Amino acid sequence: MTDLAPAALGNVRLRAPAHEPFRPAAPDQPDHWPTMFDMFLGETARNPLVGWPKETFDILNRKRRVLHLNYIGVSDPEGIKRVFLDNVANYPKPNLIRRALAPSLGDGLFTAEGEIWRDQRRLMAPVFTPAALGQFNPIFARVAERTADRWATGLDDHIDVAAEATRTTFEVINEALFSGEAGLSFEATSGDIDAVVAAAGEYRLGFLFGMPWLDQSPLQRRANQGRKVLLGHLSAFIARRQASPSPSADFMTRLLEAFAERYPPKEAAKLALDNAVTFFVAGHETTANGLAWALYLLSRDRQAQAWAREEAQAAWDAGGTPTEILGRLPYLKMVWEETLRLYPPAPRMDREALAEDEICGLPVRKGDMISVWPWVVHRHRRLWDQPELFNPEHFDPEAKASHQRFQYIPFGAGPRICIGMAFAQAEALIILSHWLARFSFRPVVGHTVTPRAHTTLKPVGGMPLIVERAR
């Protein structure tokens, strides 16, 4: 790794003296594993990040028994490769997890397994080619500008950039997937989506023991209501699309056409619905969280923010299409990748062994749960130099060349790597660059930032920042 930190101006890389990185917010690492009570009823149940003891970040693989289940925690990149690539057929998503997510996501790409997953992935691949995704870049730029114009009208107080990022990515998904025709507004729908996402990640004893009817917490009841609202709107929208002689030429139309090649109308509509919910709920939520975390990190590192702003302003001032601007942001891309290292969109990935195996010398038995936490892998002291610090140079070309293939997994790994990764990367960089070109971001004095993990990784209480015009 170099001892100089990069700034950028267009496509010309400049070098500037290195500065001292800062330590972003993360729970203290306890000395011991949490008790069963704490895991299901205590603080760890509310925020699993607080339960990871110090040894987790020093030991690459570990085995634990939780109630009636054996868990193998894997942080070794070779072990991750074994689970997600080399022997992937032996490690599907656990039925436990699929049952928890099925009420919200059905048989969409995120939850499906086997032939139905392979079929969907093959049919959806043309929708996610670089050429197909490139047409979304103007939408990203247009929605980012709309948000920035709203901020410019009232900058005399702090702004919750987490809420604003959520609104922005909601509008992106609504326009890119549905051409704004699904009848979903942010004000009316955001609470429903929050409840569905939070409920999916709640630790529930009923699901653990195969008795989901025991789980009737207020959050689960709220999520059930929100789920009905979302599914009702999206089902009606898909029915209108199928009946239209000339539907809008957007993502959803292409998805329906792809499924119609293989399935009868009713099944095509069901698969389109399941995937629409996945992209709408999970897709916009994870990118929004990443945007909030990126602005938090830059607000605490003034030098990194200055470099990123210089690059963003030069990229936009040079003109051209959003796709061309996207190619002029090498330093901001490093910032974004470092953001996802420190605050991965999905903090955990679980698999269930179908047959006996061995992972990095640990014997695996049928039924064992394999748990991979990007939160742990990305902060592991045996994999990263000063992993607890914010340092975009973890992702300069020289440093990236030294990474092991599976030590950085913000979008998953192997055949099931997130199909929307390129969409999310372009969306985040275009939005961030537009905001940084127009505004500067400072911390709100007295606000404590706390990351909380369930299905996604969010800041507790939002992310209030002082937002000021940059020029």
Protein backbone atom coordinates (compact mmCIF):
# COMPACT_ATOMS: atom_id res chain seq x y z
CA MET A 1 0.00 0.00 0.00
CA THR A 2 1.30 3.46 -0.82
CA ASP A 3 2.07 6.08 1.81
CA LEU A 4 0.40 8.79 -0.22
CA ALA A 5 -3.33 9.36 -0.53
CA PRO A 6 -4.86 9.99 -3.96
CA ALA A 7 -6.96 12.84 -5.15
CA ALA A 8 -8.29 12.99 -8.69
CA LEU A 9 -9.08 15.57 -11.33
CA GLY A 10 -11.02 14.09 -14.20
CA ASN A 11 -8.99 11.10 -15.33
CA VAL A 12 -5.67 12.54 -14.12
CA ARG A 13 -4.52 11.07 -10.82
CA LEU A 14 -2.81 13.52 -8.47
CA ARG A 15 -0.96 12.66 -5.29
CA ALA A 16 -1.26 14.43 -1.98
CA PRO A 17 0.39 13.88 1.42
CA ALA A 18 -1.18 11.11 3.48
CA HIS A 19 -3.29 12.06 6.50
CA GLU A 20 -4.36 10.27 9.64
CA PRO A 21 -7.43 8.03 9.09
CA PHE A 22 -10.18 8.10 11.69
CA ARG A 23 -11.96 5.28 13.52
CA PRO A 24 -15.62 5.05 12.44
CA ALA A 25 -18.45 4.04 14.73
CA ALA A 26 -18.62 0.37 15.69
CA PRO A 27 -19.72 -1.46 18.86
CA ASP A 28 -17.04 -2.28 21.40
CA GLN A 29 -15.87 -5.89 21.08
CA PRO A 30 -16.68 -7.78 24.30
CA ASP A 31 -14.36 -10.36 25.86
CA HIS A 32 -16.92 -13.19 25.81
CA TRP A 33 -19.72 -14.60 23.68
CA PRO A 34 -23.25 -13.47 24.61
CA THR A 35 -25.51 -15.67 26.70
CA MET A 36 -28.57 -17.35 25.21
CA PHE A 37 -30.74 -14.85 27.07
CA ASP A 38 -28.90 -11.92 25.51
CA MET A 39 -29.03 -13.47 22.04
CA PHE A 40 -32.80 -13.78 22.02
CA LEU A 41 -34.06 -11.25 24.58
CA GLY A 42 -31.19 -8.89 25.36
CA GLU A 43 -29.07 -6.32 23.54
CA THR A 44 -27.66 -8.81 21.04
CA ALA A 45 -31.20 -9.65 19.93
CA ARG A 46 -31.76 -5.96 19.19
CA ASN A 47 -28.38 -5.50 17.51
CA PRO A 48 -26.32 -8.62 16.68
CA LEU A 49 -23.19 -6.52 16.07
CA VAL A 50 -22.68 -6.06 19.81
CA GLY A 51 -22.37 -9.80 20.35
CA TRP A 52 -19.15 -10.38 18.40
CA PRO A 53 -16.29 -10.85 20.89
CA LYS A 54 -12.70 -9.81 20.23
CA GLU A 55 -11.57 -13.32 19.33
CA THR A 56 -13.91 -13.34 16.31
CA PHE A 57 -11.69 -10.79 14.59
CA ASP A 58 -8.54 -12.83 15.21
CA ILE A 59 -9.74 -16.39 14.51
CA LEU A 60 -10.68 -17.14 10.91
CA ASN A 61 -13.07 -20.06 11.54
CA ARG A 62 -15.00 -21.15 14.62
CA LYS A 63 -17.67 -23.61 15.69
CA ARG A 64 -20.49 -22.98 18.18
CA ARG A 65 -23.72 -24.64 19.22
CA VAL A 66 -26.78 -22.39 19.55
CA LEU A 67 -29.69 -24.27 21.11
CA HIS A 68 -30.22 -27.29 18.82
CA LEU A 69 -28.13 -26.03 15.87
CA ASN A 70 -24.40 -26.26 15.11
CA TYR A 71 -22.98 -23.06 13.62
CA ILE A 72 -19.68 -22.81 11.79
CA GLY A 73 -18.55 -19.23 11.43
CA VAL A 74 -16.30 -18.81 8.38
CA SER A 75 -14.07 -15.78 7.79
CA ASP A 76 -11.21 -17.46 5.94
CA PRO A 77 -11.40 -16.45 2.24
CA GLU A 78 -10.59 -20.04 1.28
CA GLY A 79 -13.48 -21.29 3.39
CA ILE A 80 -15.80 -18.70 1.87
CA LYS A 81 -14.69 -19.87 -1.57
CA ARG A 82 -15.49 -23.46 -0.59
CA VAL A 83 -19.02 -22.57 0.51
CA PHE A 84 -19.98 -20.05 -2.17
CA LEU A 85 -18.13 -21.41 -5.21
CA ASP A 86 -16.24 -24.73 -5.08
CA ASN A 87 -18.98 -26.75 -3.35
CA VAL A 88 -21.87 -24.34 -3.70
CA ALA A 89 -24.42 -27.10 -4.43
CA ASN A 90 -23.90 -28.44 -0.91
CA TYR A 91 -24.71 -25.11 0.73
CA PRO A 92 -28.15 -23.68 -0.15
CA LYS A 93 -29.82 -20.98 1.89
CA PRO A 94 -31.23 -22.55 5.07
CA ASN A 95 -34.91 -23.48 5.05
CA LEU A 96 -35.09 -21.48 8.28
CA ILE A 97 -34.08 -18.28 6.49
CA ARG A 98 -36.23 -18.99 3.45
CA ARG A 99 -39.30 -19.51 5.65
CA ALA A 100 -38.59 -16.20 7.38
CA LEU A 101 -38.30 -14.29 4.10
CA ALA A 102 -40.92 -16.12 2.03
CA PRO A 103 -43.92 -14.06 3.24
CA SER A 104 -42.22 -10.92 1.88
CA LEU A 105 -40.08 -12.12 -1.03
CA GLY A 106 -41.84 -15.30 -2.19
CA ASP A 107 -39.84 -17.33 -4.70
CA GLY A 108 -37.86 -14.43 -6.13
CA LEU A 109 -34.20 -14.60 -7.02
CA PHE A 110 -33.08 -13.86 -3.45
CA THR A 111 -34.89 -16.78 -1.83
CA ALA A 112 -35.27 -19.36 -4.62
CA GLU A 113 -33.04 -22.43 -4.83
CA GLY A 114 -32.24 -25.11 -7.38
CA GLU A 115 -33.74 -25.14 -10.84
CA ILE A 116 -36.19 -22.29 -10.27
CA TRP A 117 -33.28 -20.06 -9.16
CA ARG A 118 -31.15 -21.03 -12.16
CA ASP A 119 -34.08 -20.43 -14.49
CA GLN A 120 -34.74 -16.95 -13.07
CA ARG A 121 -31.09 -15.99 -13.12
CA ARG A 122 -30.78 -17.03 -16.77
CA LEU A 123 -33.95 -15.20 -17.81
CA MET A 124 -33.01 -12.04 -15.92
CA ALA A 125 -29.39 -11.88 -17.09
CA PRO A 126 -30.16 -9.85 -20.28
CA VAL A 127 -31.94 -7.23 -18.14
CA PHE A 128 -28.69 -6.65 -16.21
CA THR A 129 -26.15 -6.41 -19.04
CA PRO A 130 -23.97 -3.25 -19.06
CA ALA A 131 -25.82 -1.94 -22.11
CA ALA A 132 -29.21 -2.45 -20.46
CA LEU A 133 -28.07 -0.90 -17.18
CA GLY A 134 -26.52 2.13 -18.87
CA GLN A 135 -29.93 3.57 -19.65
CA PHE A 136 -30.59 3.96 -15.90
CA ASN A 137 -27.69 6.37 -15.38
CA PRO A 138 -29.70 9.44 -16.48
CA ILE A 139 -32.39 8.46 -13.96
CA PHE A 140 -29.78 8.34 -11.19
CA ALA A 141 -28.52 11.80 -12.16
CA ARG A 142 -32.01 13.28 -12.46
CA VAL A 143 -33.18 12.01 -9.06
CA ALA A 144 -29.90 13.07 -7.38
CA GLU A 145 -30.39 16.58 -8.76
CA ARG A 146 -33.97 16.66 -7.54
CA THR A 147 -32.83 15.81 -4.01
CA ALA A 148 -30.02 18.39 -4.15
CA ASP A 149 -32.43 21.09 -5.31
CA ARG A 150 -34.66 20.31 -2.33
CA TRP A 151 -31.70 20.61 0.05
CA ALA A 152 -30.68 23.93 -1.51
CA THR A 153 -33.95 25.52 -0.43
CA GLY A 154 -33.36 25.02 3.30
CA LEU A 155 -29.81 24.66 4.52
CA ASP A 156 -30.13 26.53 7.83
CA ASP A 157 -30.32 23.34 9.87
CA HIS A 158 -29.09 19.77 9.78
CA ILE A 159 -30.48 17.19 7.36
CA ASP A 160 -31.03 13.51 8.08
CA VAL A 161 -29.11 12.20 5.08
CA ALA A 162 -30.17 8.61 5.87
CA ALA A 163 -33.83 9.55 5.38
CA GLU A 164 -32.96 11.65 2.33
CA ALA A 165 -30.92 8.84 0.80
CA THR A 166 -33.82 6.44 1.38
CA ARG A 167 -36.22 8.84 -0.34
CA THR A 168 -33.77 9.26 -3.23
CA THR A 169 -33.22 5.54 -3.86
CA PHE A 170 -36.96 4.94 -3.46
CA GLU A 171 -37.58 7.43 -6.27
CA VAL A 172 -34.85 5.80 -8.38
CA ILE A 173 -36.40 2.35 -8.04
CA ASN A 174 -39.90 3.70 -8.62
CA GLU A 175 -38.82 5.39 -11.87
CA ALA A 176 -36.33 2.79 -13.12
CA LEU A 177 -38.45 -0.29 -12.43
CA PHE A 178 -41.98 1.00 -12.71
CA SER A 179 -41.82 4.32 -14.61
CA GLY A 180 -43.57 5.84 -11.58
CA GLU A 181 -46.74 3.92 -12.45
CA ALA A 182 -46.99 1.55 -9.48
CA GLY A 183 -49.01 3.97 -7.34
CA LEU A 184 -46.42 3.97 -4.56
CA SER A 185 -45.39 7.20 -2.86
CA PHE A 186 -42.50 7.54 -0.44
CA GLU A 187 -44.64 9.16 2.25
CA ALA A 188 -47.27 6.41 2.14
CA THR A 189 -44.93 3.45 1.68
CA SER A 190 -41.65 4.07 3.52
CA GLY A 191 -43.01 2.96 6.89
CA ASP A 192 -44.30 -0.29 5.41
CA ILE A 193 -40.94 -1.05 3.82
CA ASP A 194 -39.06 -0.27 7.05
CA ALA A 195 -41.28 -2.69 8.97
CA VAL A 196 -40.91 -5.48 6.39
CA VAL A 197 -37.11 -5.17 6.35
CA ALA A 198 -36.77 -4.97 10.13
CA ALA A 199 -39.15 -7.87 10.77
CA ALA A 200 -37.30 -10.16 8.37
CA GLY A 201 -34.15 -9.83 10.46
CA GLU A 202 -35.70 -10.07 13.91
CA TYR A 203 -34.46 -13.00 16.01
CA ARG A 204 -37.53 -15.23 16.51
CA LEU A 205 -37.69 -18.37 18.57
CA GLY A 206 -40.78 -19.55 16.70
CA PHE A 207 -38.99 -19.68 13.37
CA LEU A 208 -35.92 -21.23 14.98
CA PHE A 209 -38.04 -24.17 16.14
CA GLY A 210 -40.30 -24.30 13.06
CA MET A 211 -43.31 -22.75 14.83
CA PRO A 212 -43.73 -19.29 13.25
CA TRP A 213 -47.18 -18.83 14.76
CA LEU A 214 -45.42 -18.13 18.07
CA ASP A 215 -43.91 -14.95 16.66
CA GLN A 216 -46.47 -12.21 17.19
CA SER A 217 -44.33 -9.26 18.25
CA PRO A 218 -45.57 -5.72 17.48
CA LEU A 219 -42.92 -5.52 14.75
CA GLN A 220 -44.14 -8.73 13.10
CA ARG A 221 -47.75 -7.50 13.18
CA ARG A 222 -46.72 -4.17 11.69
CA ALA A 223 -44.75 -5.95 8.97
CA ASN A 224 -47.74 -8.12 8.07
CA GLN A 225 -49.82 -5.00 7.50
CA GLY A 226 -47.10 -3.33 5.45
CA ARG A 227 -46.60 -6.47 3.39
CA LYS A 228 -50.28 -6.55 2.42
CA VAL A 229 -50.14 -2.93 1.28
CA LEU A 230 -47.02 -3.44 -0.85
CA LEU A 231 -48.17 -6.69 -2.41
CA GLY A 232 -51.57 -5.21 -3.18
CA HIS A 233 -50.12 -2.21 -5.02
CA LEU A 234 -47.53 -4.22 -6.93
CA SER A 235 -49.93 -7.05 -7.86
CA ALA A 236 -52.38 -4.55 -9.32
CA PHE A 237 -49.57 -2.80 -11.18
CA ILE A 238 -48.32 -6.05 -12.73
CA ALA A 239 -51.84 -7.01 -13.78
CA ARG A 240 -52.21 -3.64 -15.54
CA ARG A 241 -48.88 -4.16 -17.28
CA GLN A 242 -49.82 -7.60 -18.52
CA ALA A 243 -53.12 -6.27 -19.85
CA SER A 244 -51.63 -3.20 -21.55
CA PRO A 245 -51.18 -3.39 -25.35
CA SER A 246 -48.29 -0.90 -25.19
CA PRO A 247 -46.67 -0.93 -21.73
CA SER A 248 -43.87 1.44 -20.78
CA ALA A 249 -40.49 0.13 -21.91
CA ASP A 250 -38.97 -0.07 -18.44
CA PHE A 251 -37.31 -2.68 -16.25
CA MET A 252 -40.59 -4.28 -15.18
CA THR A 253 -41.83 -4.72 -18.72
CA ARG A 254 -38.57 -6.39 -19.72
CA LEU A 255 -38.78 -8.65 -16.68
CA LEU A 256 -42.35 -9.69 -17.52
CA GLU A 257 -41.35 -10.36 -21.12
CA ALA A 258 -38.44 -12.51 -19.97
CA PHE A 259 -40.63 -14.62 -17.67
CA ALA A 260 -43.37 -14.86 -20.30
CA GLU A 261 -40.94 -16.73 -22.56
CA ARG A 262 -40.78 -19.59 -20.08
CA TYR A 263 -43.92 -19.48 -17.92
CA PRO A 264 -47.70 -19.09 -18.40
CA PRO A 265 -49.10 -15.62 -17.55
CA LYS A 266 -50.12 -16.43 -13.97
CA GLU A 267 -46.73 -17.89 -13.03
CA ALA A 268 -44.89 -15.11 -14.88
CA ALA A 269 -46.87 -12.52 -12.91
CA LYS A 270 -46.09 -14.27 -9.60
CA LEU A 271 -42.34 -14.42 -10.32
CA ALA A 272 -42.35 -10.81 -11.51
CA LEU A 273 -44.13 -9.82 -8.29
CA ASP A 274 -41.69 -11.70 -6.05
CA ASN A 275 -38.69 -10.11 -7.76
CA ALA A 276 -40.29 -6.66 -7.86
CA VAL A 277 -40.73 -6.80 -4.08
CA THR A 278 -37.11 -7.94 -3.67
CA PHE A 279 -35.71 -5.12 -5.81
CA PHE A 280 -38.06 -2.55 -4.36
CA VAL A 281 -37.64 -3.45 -0.69
CA ALA A 282 -34.06 -4.73 -0.48
CA GLY A 283 -32.59 -2.93 -3.48
CA HIS A 284 -33.33 0.62 -2.51
CA GLU A 285 -32.78 0.03 1.21
CA THR A 286 -29.23 -1.31 0.89
CA THR A 287 -28.05 1.43 -1.49
CA ALA A 288 -29.63 4.11 0.69
CA ASN A 289 -27.77 2.79 3.73
CA GLY A 290 -24.51 2.82 1.79
CA LEU A 291 -25.04 6.44 0.76
CA ALA A 292 -25.71 7.46 4.36
CA TRP A 293 -22.61 5.65 5.60
CA ALA A 294 -20.45 7.18 2.85
CA LEU A 295 -21.55 10.71 3.78
CA TYR A 296 -20.95 9.94 7.45
CA LEU A 297 -17.39 8.78 6.73
CA LEU A 298 -16.62 11.77 4.52
CA SER A 299 -18.11 14.19 7.06
CA ARG A 300 -15.56 12.94 9.64
CA ASP A 301 -12.63 12.91 7.22
CA ARG A 302 -12.40 16.41 5.81
CA GLN A 303 -9.39 15.68 3.65
CA ALA A 304 -11.00 12.66 1.99
CA GLN A 305 -14.14 14.72 1.44
CA ALA A 306 -12.10 17.51 -0.17
CA TRP A 307 -10.44 15.06 -2.56
CA ALA A 308 -13.75 13.45 -3.43
CA ARG A 309 -15.39 16.85 -3.99
CA GLU A 310 -12.56 18.07 -6.21
CA GLU A 311 -12.93 14.96 -8.33
CA ALA A 312 -16.73 15.17 -8.46
CA GLN A 313 -16.78 18.85 -9.42
CA ALA A 314 -14.23 18.28 -12.17
CA ALA A 315 -16.19 15.27 -13.47
CA TRP A 316 -19.48 17.18 -13.70
CA ASP A 317 -17.87 20.39 -14.99
CA ALA A 318 -16.32 18.47 -17.89
CA GLY A 319 -19.84 17.65 -19.10
CA GLY A 320 -20.96 14.62 -21.03
CA THR A 321 -23.42 11.88 -20.24
CA PRO A 322 -23.87 10.42 -16.74
CA THR A 323 -22.11 7.30 -18.02
CA GLU A 324 -19.09 9.37 -19.05
CA ILE A 325 -19.10 11.16 -15.68
CA LEU A 326 -19.18 7.78 -13.95
CA GLY A 327 -15.86 6.93 -15.59
CA ARG A 328 -14.15 10.00 -14.08
CA LEU A 329 -14.57 9.04 -10.41
CA PRO A 330 -11.67 6.72 -9.44
CA TYR A 331 -11.16 8.16 -5.95
CA LEU A 332 -14.88 8.26 -5.13
CA LYS A 333 -15.08 4.62 -6.20
CA MET A 334 -12.37 3.86 -3.63
CA VAL A 335 -14.39 5.73 -1.00
CA TRP A 336 -17.51 3.75 -1.91
CA GLU A 337 -15.71 0.41 -1.76
CA GLU A 338 -14.22 1.31 1.62
CA THR A 339 -17.67 2.32 2.82
CA LEU A 340 -19.04 -1.11 1.93
CA ARG A 341 -16.09 -2.74 3.65
CA LEU A 342 -16.81 -0.97 6.91
CA TYR A 343 -20.60 -1.05 6.59
CA PRO A 344 -21.56 -3.95 4.28
CA PRO A 345 -25.16 -3.75 2.98
CA ALA A 346 -26.02 -7.27 4.13
CA PRO A 347 -24.03 -7.92 7.33
CA ARG A 348 -24.52 -11.72 7.30
CA MET A 349 -25.00 -14.66 4.91
CA ASP A 350 -26.09 -18.10 6.05
CA ARG A 351 -26.03 -21.49 4.38
CA GLU A 352 -27.04 -25.03 5.44
CA ALA A 353 -24.96 -28.13 4.70
CA LEU A 354 -26.79 -30.82 2.74
CA ALA A 355 -24.02 -33.39 3.23
CA GLU A 356 -20.76 -33.91 5.08
CA ASP A 357 -17.84 -31.75 4.02
CA GLU A 358 -14.73 -30.05 5.35
CA ILE A 359 -14.05 -26.31 5.51
CA CYS A 360 -10.47 -25.28 6.21
CA GLY A 361 -9.93 -28.39 8.31
CA LEU A 362 -13.22 -28.14 10.22
CA PRO A 363 -15.53 -31.15 9.72
CA VAL A 364 -19.02 -30.24 8.51
CA ARG A 365 -22.00 -32.50 9.13
CA LYS A 366 -25.33 -32.57 7.35
CA GLY A 367 -27.58 -29.88 8.82
CA ASP A 368 -24.77 -27.67 10.12
CA MET A 369 -25.33 -23.95 9.64
CA ILE A 370 -22.54 -22.04 7.90
CA SER A 371 -22.51 -18.37 8.87
CA VAL A 372 -20.44 -15.81 6.97
CA TRP A 373 -20.56 -12.27 8.28
CA PRO A 374 -19.10 -9.63 5.92
CA TRP A 375 -19.09 -7.34 8.98
CA VAL A 376 -16.53 -9.69 10.56
CA VAL A 377 -14.63 -10.64 7.38
CA HIS A 378 -14.19 -7.00 6.39
CA ARG A 379 -12.85 -6.05 9.83
CA HIS A 380 -10.74 -9.13 10.44
CA ARG A 381 -7.29 -8.35 11.78
CA ARG A 382 -5.68 -11.20 9.84
CA LEU A 383 -7.05 -9.96 6.52
CA TRP A 384 -6.77 -6.16 6.63
CA ASP A 385 -4.24 -3.53 7.61
CA GLN A 386 -5.79 -1.44 10.42
CA PRO A 387 -9.28 -2.71 9.56
CA GLU A 388 -11.03 -0.52 12.14
CA LEU A 389 -9.96 2.71 10.37
CA PHE A 390 -11.54 4.49 7.40
CA ASN A 391 -8.93 4.38 4.67
CA PRO A 392 -10.01 4.46 0.98
CA GLU A 393 -6.49 3.39 0.05
CA HIS A 394 -7.52 -0.12 1.00
CA PHE A 395 -8.88 -0.05 -2.56
CA ASP A 396 -6.22 1.71 -4.57
CA PRO A 397 -5.03 -0.48 -7.49
CA GLU A 398 -1.92 -1.69 -5.67
CA ALA A 399 -3.82 -2.68 -2.53
CA LYS A 400 -6.65 -4.34 -4.46
CA ALA A 401 -4.16 -6.46 -6.36
CA SER A 402 -3.00 -7.92 -3.04
CA HIS A 403 -6.48 -8.83 -1.79
CA GLN A 404 -7.55 -12.43 -1.61
CA ARG A 405 -10.53 -13.00 -3.87
CA PHE A 406 -13.07 -13.69 -1.11
CA GLN A 407 -11.94 -11.27 1.59
CA TYR A 408 -14.24 -8.52 0.28
CA ILE A 409 -17.83 -9.68 -0.26
CA PRO A 410 -20.30 -6.78 0.13
CA PHE A 411 -22.57 -8.20 -2.60
CA GLY A 412 -22.09 -11.86 -1.79
CA ALA A 413 -19.92 -14.27 -3.75
CA GLY A 414 -19.97 -17.02 -6.31
CA PRO A 415 -22.91 -17.77 -8.64
CA ARG A 416 -25.34 -16.05 -6.26
CA ILE A 417 -23.50 -12.75 -6.16
CA CYS A 418 -26.08 -9.95 -6.23
CA ILE A 419 -27.40 -9.54 -9.76
CA GLY A 420 -28.04 -5.85 -9.08
CA MET A 421 -24.45 -5.08 -8.03
CA ALA A 422 -23.56 -3.01 -11.12
CA PHE A 423 -26.88 -1.13 -10.86
CA ALA A 424 -26.21 -0.27 -7.22
CA GLN A 425 -22.58 0.75 -7.83
CA ALA A 426 -23.47 3.13 -10.66
CA GLU A 427 -26.43 4.53 -8.75
CA ALA A 428 -24.37 5.25 -5.64
CA LEU A 429 -21.44 6.88 -7.48
CA ILE A 430 -23.59 9.13 -9.64
CA ILE A 431 -25.71 10.25 -6.69
CA LEU A 432 -22.74 10.76 -4.36
CA SER A 433 -20.73 12.68 -6.95
CA HIS A 434 -23.64 15.01 -7.68
CA TRP A 435 -24.21 15.74 -3.99
CA LEU A 436 -20.51 16.24 -3.27
CA ALA A 437 -20.13 18.60 -6.23
CA ARG A 438 -22.79 20.87 -4.74
CA PHE A 439 -22.52 20.46 -0.95
CA SER A 440 -20.16 19.89 1.94
CA PHE A 441 -21.07 17.73 4.94
CA ARG A 442 -20.19 18.20 8.61
CA PRO A 443 -21.12 16.23 11.77
CA VAL A 444 -23.87 17.40 14.08
CA VAL A 445 -22.28 18.07 17.46
CA GLY A 446 -23.56 15.71 20.13
CA HIS A 447 -25.04 13.11 17.81
CA THR A 448 -23.75 9.58 18.45
CA VAL A 449 -23.61 7.29 15.45
CA THR A 450 -24.53 3.66 16.14
CA PRO A 451 -24.71 0.94 13.46
CA ARG A 452 -27.42 -1.69 13.92
CA ALA A 453 -27.62 -4.93 11.94
CA HIS A 454 -30.57 -7.10 11.12
CA THR A 455 -31.48 -7.75 7.50
CA THR A 456 -29.53 -4.62 6.53
CA LEU A 457 -27.04 -2.37 8.30
CA LYS A 458 -28.53 0.97 9.34
CA PRO A 459 -27.55 3.88 11.60
CA VAL A 460 -29.75 4.06 14.69
CA GLY A 461 -31.78 7.27 14.71
CA GLY A 462 -30.79 8.23 11.18
CA MET A 463 -27.75 10.21 10.09
CA PRO A 464 -28.13 13.93 10.78
CA LEU A 465 -25.42 16.04 9.13
CA ILE A 466 -24.91 19.75 8.58
CA VAL A 467 -25.18 20.30 4.84
CA GLU A 468 -23.73 23.49 3.31
CA ARG A 469 -23.30 24.77 -0.23
CA ALA A 470 -19.86 23.89 -1.56
CA ARG A 471 -19.86 26.63 -4.19
